[in-house]
C-alpha cells in the first residue's frame, strides 16, 4: 500500500472517531504500531490532526479546549476549587517533599496548608510567594515564565525538577479524557508536569480538578490515569472510576 493511501485511511479514522489511541487504530486497521505512530507524526506535521500522547485527535474535536488566562480561571468554580484545595492540603504530612504545580486549583490549597516540616517545590511564582508568607520552606524552580499561566517552564525548569524525588505531588489539568488521560494546551508546560509526575511516588500523584474538565481534551497529554488519584467535586461517569482512583470531596 502506498504511503499516501495509508495516511488517508488513518486520517479518515481519526476524523470519524474525533479522538483515538494508537492501540485502537492497531486493533481496527491492518497496520503495525510503528507505522501508525509514524503516520500520526506526519499528519500532525502537516497540520491535519493533533498528535497527543498515545494517540491523536481530530481538528474538529468539539471537546478540544485552549488555554485560558489566570484571571479567567480564578473566577470559575471558586467554591469547588476551595473544597478540593482544602482536602488536598490535608494530605500533606511532616517530612514530605511536595511538588505543587502552578494553577488556580493548586493555588487554593495554600490557604489550608499548615504543615511546615515539609519541603515545597513549585513552578508557580504566586504559589511560592504565598507559601513563603505562611512560613513554609520553598524551592522555586528556574525557567521561562509563561505569562498567561504564571508558570515556569522550559528546559531549565525540567532539569531543576529532575533533581527531586517527591513523596507527594499536586497537579492541575485542563482536560480529562478517558482515551487520552490528563492534558494541557502547552507542550512546554506539559513536559514539566510529566517529569514532576514521573518523580512522584505512585499513588501519591494527585490531580486536582473541578467537574468542568471531564470529557475535555487539550493538545498535549501530560499523564495517563495509572498511578494517579483524581480529586474532584463531582464525577457521575463511572468510566473514570475504572481507570483511576477518584476522590469526591464534600
C-alpha atoms as a PDB file:
ATOM      1  CA  UNK A   1       0.000   0.000   0.000  1.00  0.00           C
ATOM      2  CA  UNK A   2       1.241   3.465  -0.882  1.00  0.00           C
ATOM      3  CA  UNK A   3       2.134   5.848   1.919  1.00  0.00           C
ATOM      4  CA  UNK A   4      -0.496   8.386   0.851  1.00  0.00           C
ATOM      5  CA  UNK A   5      -3.217   5.726   0.855  1.00  0.00           C
ATOM      6  CA  UNK A   6      -2.262   4.625   4.361  1.00  0.00           C
ATOM      7  CA  UNK A   7      -2.296   8.241   5.567  1.00  0.00           C
ATOM      8  CA  UNK A   8      -5.739   8.779   4.081  1.00  0.00           C
ATOM      9  CA  UNK A   9      -7.119   5.702   5.850  1.00  0.00           C
ATOM     10  CA  UNK A  10      -5.693   6.701   9.229  1.00  0.00           C
ATOM     11  CA  UNK A  11      -6.802  10.325   8.801  1.00  0.00           C
ATOM     12  CA  UNK A  12     -10.338   9.185   7.960  1.00  0.00           C
ATOM     13  CA  UNK A  13     -10.437   7.012  11.081  1.00  0.00           C
ATOM     14  CA  UNK A  14      -9.197   9.830  13.334  1.00  0.00           C
ATOM     15  CA  UNK A  15     -11.751  12.270  11.903  1.00  0.00           C
ATOM     16  CA  UNK A  16     -14.564   9.738  12.360  1.00  0.00           C
ATOM     17  CA  UNK A  17     -13.663   8.918  15.967  1.00  0.00           C
ATOM     18  CA  UNK A  18     -12.628  12.501  16.920  1.00  0.00           C
ATOM     19  CA  UNK A  19     -10.009  11.057  19.312  1.00  0.00           C
ATOM     20  CA  UNK A  20      -8.310   7.681  19.092  1.00  0.00           C
ATOM     21  CA  UNK A  21      -5.357   5.823  20.603  1.00  0.00           C
ATOM     22  CA  UNK A  22      -2.600   4.034  18.726  1.00  0.00           C
ATOM     23  CA  UNK A  23      -3.809   0.790  20.279  1.00  0.00           C
ATOM     24  CA  UNK A  24      -7.332   1.330  18.922  1.00  0.00           C
ATOM     25  CA  UNK A  25      -6.004   2.096  15.445  1.00  0.00           C
ATOM     26  CA  UNK A  26      -3.867  -1.054  15.512  1.00  0.00           C
ATOM     27  CA  UNK A  27      -6.882  -3.151  16.520  1.00  0.00           C
ATOM     28  CA  UNK A  28      -9.100  -1.832  13.715  1.00  0.00           C
ATOM     29  CA  UNK A  29      -6.548  -1.304  10.924  1.00  0.00           C
ATOM     30  CA  UNK A  30      -4.074  -3.783   9.444  1.00  0.00           C
ATOM     31  CA  UNK A  31      -1.016  -1.625  10.199  1.00  0.00           C
ATOM     32  CA  UNK A  32       1.851  -2.085  12.635  1.00  0.00           C
ATOM     33  CA  UNK A  33       2.102   0.144  15.702  1.00  0.00           C
ATOM     34  CA  UNK A  34       5.327   1.725  14.434  1.00  0.00           C
ATOM     35  CA  UNK A  35       3.664   2.534  11.097  1.00  0.00           C
ATOM     36  CA  UNK A  36       0.691   4.111  12.835  1.00  0.00           C
ATOM     37  CA  UNK A  37       2.891   6.246  15.097  1.00  0.00           C
ATOM     38  CA  UNK A  38       4.981   7.395  12.151  1.00  0.00           C
ATOM     39  CA  UNK A  39       1.883   8.275  10.125  1.00  0.00           C
ATOM     40  CA  UNK A  40       0.339  10.196  13.042  1.00  0.00           C
ATOM     41  CA  UNK A  41       3.557  12.215  13.336  1.00  0.00           C
ATOM     42  CA  UNK A  42       3.445  13.015   9.618  1.00  0.00           C
ATOM     43  CA  UNK A  43      -0.232  14.041   9.742  1.00  0.00           C
ATOM     44  CA  UNK A  44       0.458  16.240  12.771  1.00  0.00           C
ATOM     45  CA  UNK A  45       3.344  17.991  10.982  1.00  0.00           C
ATOM     46  CA  UNK A  46       1.061  18.621   8.001  1.00  0.00           C
ATOM     47  CA  UNK A  47      -1.493  20.255  10.320  1.00  0.00           C
ATOM     48  CA  UNK A  48      -4.207  17.693   9.567  1.00  0.00           C
ATOM     49  CA  UNK A  49      -4.616  16.267  13.085  1.00  0.00           C
ATOM     50  CA  UNK A  50      -3.322  16.886  16.607  1.00  0.00           C
ATOM     51  CA  UNK A  51      -0.892  14.284  17.908  1.00  0.00           C
ATOM     52  CA  UNK A  52      -1.301  13.561  21.619  1.00  0.00           C
ATOM     53  CA  UNK A  53       0.444  11.180  23.979  1.00  0.00           C
ATOM     54  CA  UNK A  54      -0.578   7.669  22.907  1.00  0.00           C
ATOM     55  CA  UNK A  55      -2.798   8.704  20.002  1.00  0.00           C
ATOM     56  CA  UNK A  56      -4.325  11.541  18.019  1.00  0.00           C
ATOM     57  CA  UNK A  57      -7.290  13.904  17.899  1.00  0.00           C
ATOM     58  CA  UNK A  58      -9.268  15.389  15.060  1.00  0.00           C
ATOM     59  CA  UNK A  59      -9.064  19.138  14.477  1.00  0.00           C
ATOM     60  CA  UNK A  60     -12.851  19.091  14.727  1.00  0.00           C
ATOM     61  CA  UNK A  61     -12.876  17.552  18.182  1.00  0.00           C
ATOM     62  CA  UNK A  62     -15.578  19.539  19.996  1.00  0.00           C
ATOM     63  CA  UNK A  63     -14.042  18.810  23.386  1.00  0.00           C
ATOM     64  CA  UNK A  64     -10.695  20.348  22.435  1.00  0.00           C
ATOM     65  CA  UNK A  65     -10.057  23.425  24.573  1.00  0.00           C
ATOM     66  CA  UNK A  66      -7.491  26.204  24.589  1.00  0.00           C
ATOM     67  CA  UNK A  67      -5.591  27.822  27.444  1.00  0.00           C
ATOM     68  CA  UNK A  68      -7.362  30.474  29.496  1.00  0.00           C
ATOM     69  CA  UNK A  69      -5.623  33.214  31.438  1.00  0.00           C
ATOM     70  CA  UNK A  70      -5.192  33.018  35.212  1.00  0.00           C
ATOM     71  CA  UNK A  71      -7.664  35.896  35.579  1.00  0.00           C
ATOM     72  CA  UNK A  72     -10.315  33.966  33.648  1.00  0.00           C
ATOM     73  CA  UNK A  73      -9.735  30.742  35.553  1.00  0.00           C
ATOM     74  CA  UNK A  74      -9.810  32.315  39.008  1.00  0.00           C
ATOM     75  CA  UNK A  75     -13.475  33.292  38.708  1.00  0.00           C
ATOM     76  CA  UNK A  76     -14.627  29.812  37.631  1.00  0.00           C
ATOM     77  CA  UNK A  77     -15.987  27.260  40.151  1.00  0.00           C
ATOM     78  CA  UNK A  78     -14.363  29.074  43.076  1.00  0.00           C
ATOM     79  CA  UNK A  79     -16.228  27.196  45.819  1.00  0.00           C
ATOM     80  CA  UNK A  80     -15.466  23.812  44.238  1.00  0.00           C
ATOM     81  CA  UNK A  81     -11.780  24.640  43.868  1.00  0.00           C
ATOM     82  CA  UNK A  82     -11.531  25.606  47.527  1.00  0.00           C
ATOM     83  CA  UNK A  83     -13.182  22.360  48.645  1.00  0.00           C
ATOM     84  CA  UNK A  84     -10.724  20.421  46.509  1.00  0.00           C
ATOM     85  CA  UNK A  85      -7.813  22.510  47.783  1.00  0.00           C
ATOM     86  CA  UNK A  86      -8.806  22.062  51.421  1.00  0.00           C
ATOM     87  CA  UNK A  87      -8.895  18.278  51.102  1.00  0.00           C
ATOM     88  CA  UNK A  88      -5.653  18.136  49.125  1.00  0.00           C
ATOM     89  CA  UNK A  89      -3.853  20.236  51.750  1.00  0.00           C
ATOM     90  CA  UNK A  90      -4.934  17.791  54.458  1.00  0.00           C
ATOM     91  CA  UNK A  91      -2.922  15.042  52.731  1.00  0.00           C
ATOM     92  CA  UNK A  92       0.410  16.779  53.385  1.00  0.00           C
ATOM     93  CA  UNK A  93       2.304  15.337  56.360  1.00  0.00           C
ATOM     94  CA  UNK A  94       5.510  16.190  58.207  1.00  0.00           C
ATOM     95  CA  UNK A  95       8.613  15.057  56.359  1.00  0.00           C
ATOM     96  CA  UNK A  96       7.045  15.197  52.902  1.00  0.00           C
ATOM     97  CA  UNK A  97       8.777  16.561  49.817  1.00  0.00           C
ATOM     98  CA  UNK A  98       5.915  18.106  47.834  1.00  0.00           C
ATOM     99  CA  UNK A  99       5.648  19.312  44.251  1.00  0.00           C
ATOM    100  CA  UNK A 100       2.973  21.977  43.867  1.00  0.00           C
ATOM    101  CA  UNK A 101       2.066  22.610  40.246  1.00  0.00           C
ATOM    102  CA  UNK A 102       1.197  26.100  39.003  1.00  0.00           C
ATOM    103  CA  UNK A 103      -2.533  26.679  38.522  1.00  0.00           C
ATOM    104  CA  UNK A 104      -5.607  28.147  40.165  1.00  0.00           C
ATOM    105  CA  UNK A 105      -6.866  24.945  41.795  1.00  0.00           C
ATOM    106  CA  UNK A 106      -3.494  24.071  43.334  1.00  0.00           C
ATOM    107  CA  UNK A 107      -3.223  27.691  44.470  1.00  0.00           C
ATOM    108  CA  UNK A 108      -6.415  27.186  46.506  1.00  0.00           C
ATOM    109  CA  UNK A 109      -4.539  24.600  48.568  1.00  0.00           C
ATOM    110  CA  UNK A 110      -2.240  27.215  50.052  1.00  0.00           C
ATOM    111  CA  UNK A 111      -4.879  28.804  52.312  1.00  0.00           C
ATOM    112  CA  UNK A 112      -5.259  25.430  54.041  1.00  0.00           C
ATOM    113  CA  UNK A 113      -1.628  24.270  54.260  1.00  0.00           C
ATOM    114  CA  UNK A 114      -0.390  24.263  57.856  1.00  0.00           C
ATOM    115  CA  UNK A 115       2.452  21.726  57.833  1.00  0.00           C
ATOM    116  CA  UNK A 116       5.831  23.495  57.964  1.00  0.00           C
ATOM    117  CA  UNK A 117       8.102  20.445  58.310  1.00  0.00           C
ATOM    118  CA  UNK A 118       7.897  19.964  54.534  1.00  0.00           C
ATOM    119  CA  UNK A 119       9.937  20.978  51.503  1.00  0.00           C
ATOM    120  CA  UNK A 120       7.643  22.611  48.939  1.00  0.00           C
ATOM    121  CA  UNK A 121       8.880  22.705  45.337  1.00  0.00           C
ATOM    122  CA  UNK A 122       6.827  24.664  42.823  1.00  0.00           C
ATOM    123  CA  UNK A 123       6.906  26.167  39.339  1.00  0.00           C
ATOM    124  CA  UNK A 124       4.258  28.741  40.291  1.00  0.00           C
ATOM    125  CA  UNK A 125       5.596  32.186  41.173  1.00  0.00           C
ATOM    126  CA  UNK A 126       2.447  33.203  43.038  1.00  0.00           C
ATOM    127  CA  UNK A 127       2.392  29.833  44.831  1.00  0.00           C
ATOM    128  CA  UNK A 128       5.965  30.344  46.052  1.00  0.00           C
ATOM    129  CA  UNK A 129       5.243  33.851  47.353  1.00  0.00           C
ATOM    130  CA  UNK A 130       2.114  32.751  49.207  1.00  0.00           C
ATOM    131  CA  UNK A 131       3.838  29.736  50.756  1.00  0.00           C
ATOM    132  CA  UNK A 132       6.735  31.875  51.987  1.00  0.00           C
ATOM    133  CA  UNK A 133       4.245  34.284  53.584  1.00  0.00           C
ATOM    134  CA  UNK A 134       2.895  31.309  55.553  1.00  0.00           C
ATOM    135  CA  UNK A 135       6.384  30.460  56.806  1.00  0.00           C
ATOM    136  CA  UNK A 136       6.992  27.436  54.579  1.00  0.00           C
ATOM    137  CA  UNK A 137      10.319  26.220  53.180  1.00  0.00           C
ATOM    138  CA  UNK A 138      10.018  26.731  49.421  1.00  0.00           C
ATOM    139  CA  UNK A 139      12.081  25.934  46.339  1.00  0.00           C
ATOM    140  CA  UNK A 140      11.003  27.919  43.261  1.00  0.00           C
ATOM    141  CA  UNK A 141      12.376  26.192  40.192  1.00  0.00           C
ATOM    142  CA  UNK A 142      14.031  28.234  37.461  1.00  0.00           C
ATOM    143  CA  UNK A 143      12.915  28.523  33.868  1.00  0.00           C
ATOM    144  CA  UNK A 144      10.995  30.567  31.333  1.00  0.00           C
ATOM    145  CA  UNK A 145       7.983  32.452  32.699  1.00  0.00           C
ATOM    146  CA  UNK A 146       4.762  31.726  30.833  1.00  0.00           C
ATOM    147  CA  UNK A 147       2.708  34.903  31.098  1.00  0.00           C
ATOM    148  CA  UNK A 148      -0.903  33.717  30.957  1.00  0.00           C
ATOM    149  CA  UNK A 149      -0.481  30.887  33.493  1.00  0.00           C
ATOM    150  CA  UNK A 150       2.345  32.429  35.566  1.00  0.00           C
ATOM    151  CA  UNK A 151       4.165  29.077  35.405  1.00  0.00           C
ATOM    152  CA  UNK A 152       7.892  28.479  34.993  1.00  0.00           C
ATOM    153  CA  UNK A 153       8.502  26.127  32.078  1.00  0.00           C
ATOM    154  CA  UNK A 154      11.162  25.050  29.594  1.00  0.00           C
ATOM    155  CA  UNK A 155      14.381  23.036  29.620  1.00  0.00           C
ATOM    156  CA  UNK A 156      15.804  24.732  32.731  1.00  0.00           C
ATOM    157  CA  UNK A 157      12.625  24.011  34.671  1.00  0.00           C
ATOM    158  CA  UNK A 158      12.745  20.345  33.665  1.00  0.00           C
ATOM    159  CA  UNK A 159      16.401  19.993  34.687  1.00  0.00           C
ATOM    160  CA  UNK A 160      15.600  21.507  38.079  1.00  0.00           C
ATOM    161  CA  UNK A 161      12.579  19.270  38.716  1.00  0.00           C
ATOM    162  CA  UNK A 162      14.566  16.159  37.784  1.00  0.00           C
ATOM    163  CA  UNK A 163      16.743  16.653  40.870  1.00  0.00           C
ATOM    164  CA  UNK A 164      13.913  15.869  43.274  1.00  0.00           C
ATOM    165  CA  UNK A 165      12.005  12.766  44.310  1.00  0.00           C
ATOM    166  CA  UNK A 166       8.610  13.803  45.631  1.00  0.00           C
ATOM    167  CA  UNK A 167       6.618  11.912  48.239  1.00  0.00           C
ATOM    168  CA  UNK A 168       3.513  13.758  47.048  1.00  0.00           C
ATOM    169  CA  UNK A 169       2.672  15.874  44.009  1.00  0.00           C
ATOM    170  CA  UNK A 170      -0.368  18.050  43.323  1.00  0.00           C
ATOM    171  CA  UNK A 171      -1.163  18.899  39.708  1.00  0.00           C
ATOM    172  CA  UNK A 172      -3.739  20.898  37.802  1.00  0.00           C
ATOM    173  CA  UNK A 173      -5.211  19.816  34.474  1.00  0.00           C
ATOM    174  CA  UNK A 174      -7.130  21.457  31.630  1.00  0.00           C
ATOM    175  CA  UNK A 175      -8.749  18.302  30.321  1.00  0.00           C
ATOM    176  CA  UNK A 176      -9.696  14.812  31.497  1.00  0.00           C
ATOM    177  CA  UNK A 177     -10.485  12.369  28.714  1.00  0.00           C
ATOM    178  CA  UNK A 178     -10.862   8.587  29.180  1.00  0.00           C
ATOM    179  CA  UNK A 179      -8.989   7.947  25.932  1.00  0.00           C
ATOM    180  CA  UNK A 180      -6.001  10.276  26.258  1.00  0.00           C
ATOM    181  CA  UNK A 181      -5.678  10.940  30.005  1.00  0.00           C
ATOM    182  CA  UNK A 182      -4.888  14.325  31.562  1.00  0.00           C
ATOM    183  CA  UNK A 183      -3.972  17.088  29.120  1.00  0.00           C
ATOM    184  CA  UNK A 184      -2.944  20.723  28.776  1.00  0.00           C
ATOM    185  CA  UNK A 185      -2.587  23.058  25.753  1.00  0.00           C
ATOM    186  CA  UNK A 186       1.140  23.875  26.021  1.00  0.00           C
ATOM    187  CA  UNK A 187       3.751  21.218  25.219  1.00  0.00           C
ATOM    188  CA  UNK A 188       6.359  23.020  27.384  1.00  0.00           C
ATOM    189  CA  UNK A 189       4.083  23.119  30.422  1.00  0.00           C
ATOM    190  CA  UNK A 190       3.096  19.503  29.815  1.00  0.00           C
ATOM    191  CA  UNK A 191       6.767  18.492  29.802  1.00  0.00           C
ATOM    192  CA  UNK A 192       7.349  19.960  33.275  1.00  0.00           C
ATOM    193  CA  UNK A 193       4.211  18.273  34.608  1.00  0.00           C
ATOM    194  CA  UNK A 194       5.220  14.932  33.081  1.00  0.00           C
ATOM    195  CA  UNK A 195       8.690  14.978  34.665  1.00  0.00           C
ATOM    196  CA  UNK A 196       7.333  16.038  38.056  1.00  0.00           C
ATOM    197  CA  UNK A 197       4.689  13.303  37.978  1.00  0.00           C
ATOM    198  CA  UNK A 198       7.305  10.752  36.985  1.00  0.00           C
ATOM    199  CA  UNK A 199       9.391  11.776  40.011  1.00  0.00           C
ATOM    200  CA  UNK A 200       6.425  11.455  42.387  1.00  0.00           C
ATOM    201  CA  UNK A 201       5.561   8.228  44.178  1.00  0.00           C
ATOM    202  CA  UNK A 202       2.764   6.243  42.530  1.00  0.00           C
ATOM    203  CA  UNK A 203      -0.475   6.522  44.440  1.00  0.00           C
ATOM    204  CA  UNK A 204       0.546   9.990  45.611  1.00  0.00           C
ATOM    205  CA  UNK A 205       0.222  11.730  42.244  1.00  0.00           C
ATOM    206  CA  UNK A 206      -2.821  13.899  42.921  1.00  0.00           C
ATOM    207  CA  UNK A 207      -4.672  15.536  40.032  1.00  0.00           C
ATOM    208  CA  UNK A 208      -6.892  18.388  41.228  1.00  0.00           C
ATOM    209  CA  UNK A 209      -9.831  19.294  39.010  1.00  0.00           C
ATOM    210  CA  UNK A 210     -13.386  20.542  39.187  1.00  0.00           C
ATOM    211  CA  UNK A 211     -16.098  18.692  37.257  1.00  0.00           C
ATOM    212  CA  UNK A 212     -15.964  21.029  34.230  1.00  0.00           C
ATOM    213  CA  UNK A 213     -12.764  19.348  32.950  1.00  0.00           C
ATOM    214  CA  UNK A 214     -14.359  15.919  32.408  1.00  0.00           C
ATOM    215  CA  UNK A 215     -14.651  14.849  28.781  1.00  0.00           C
ATOM    216  CA  UNK A 216     -12.473  17.720  27.605  1.00  0.00           C
ATOM    217  CA  UNK A 217      -9.120  17.455  25.843  1.00  0.00           C
ATOM    218  CA  UNK A 218      -6.130  19.625  25.061  1.00  0.00           C
ATOM    219  CA  UNK A 219      -3.336  19.228  22.566  1.00  0.00           C
ATOM    220  CA  UNK A 220      -0.829  17.534  24.891  1.00  0.00           C
ATOM    221  CA  UNK A 221      -1.277  14.658  27.350  1.00  0.00           C
ATOM    222  CA  UNK A 222       0.949  15.016  30.407  1.00  0.00           C
ATOM    223  CA  UNK A 223      -0.163  11.913  32.320  1.00  0.00           C
ATOM    224  CA  UNK A 224      -2.068   8.705  31.895  1.00  0.00           C
ATOM    225  CA  UNK A 225      -4.516   7.631  34.609  1.00  0.00           C
ATOM    226  CA  UNK A 226      -2.419   4.808  36.066  1.00  0.00           C
ATOM    227  CA  UNK A 227      -0.889   5.638  39.443  1.00  0.00           C
ATOM    228  CA  UNK A 228      -2.880   8.860  39.879  1.00  0.00           C
ATOM    229  CA  UNK A 229      -5.556   9.963  42.330  1.00  0.00           C
ATOM    230  CA  UNK A 230      -8.155  12.328  40.906  1.00  0.00           C
ATOM    231  CA  UNK A 231      -9.532  14.768  43.492  1.00  0.00           C
ATOM    232  CA  UNK A 232     -12.714  16.431  42.273  1.00  0.00           C
ATOM    233  CA  UNK A 233     -16.028  17.850  43.467  1.00  0.00           C
ATOM    234  CA  UNK A 234     -18.284  15.711  41.285  1.00  0.00           C
ATOM    235  CA  UNK A 235     -17.965  12.765  38.885  1.00  0.00           C
ATOM    236  CA  UNK A 236     -21.037  10.999  37.528  1.00  0.00           C
ATOM    237  CA  UNK A 237     -19.403   8.993  34.712  1.00  0.00           C
ATOM    238  CA  UNK A 238     -18.394   5.551  36.001  1.00  0.00           C
ATOM    239  CA  UNK A 239     -15.699   5.134  33.341  1.00  0.00           C
ATOM    240  CA  UNK A 240     -13.325   7.322  35.350  1.00  0.00           C
ATOM    241  CA  UNK A 241     -13.632   5.055  38.378  1.00  0.00           C
ATOM    242  CA  UNK A 242     -12.405   2.192  36.192  1.00  0.00           C
ATOM    243  CA  UNK A 243      -9.195   3.953  35.096  1.00  0.00           C
ATOM    244  CA  UNK A 244      -8.049   5.834  38.207  1.00  0.00           C
ATOM    245  CA  UNK A 245      -8.674   6.356  41.916  1.00  0.00           C
ATOM    246  CA  UNK A 246     -11.368   9.052  42.208  1.00  0.00           C
ATOM    247  CA  UNK A 247     -11.874  11.014  45.428  1.00  0.00           C
ATOM    248  CA  UNK A 248     -15.025  13.147  45.641  1.00  0.00           C
ATOM    249  CA  UNK A 249     -14.768  15.962  48.197  1.00  0.00           C
ATOM    250  CA  UNK A 250     -17.738  17.344  50.098  1.00  0.00           C
END
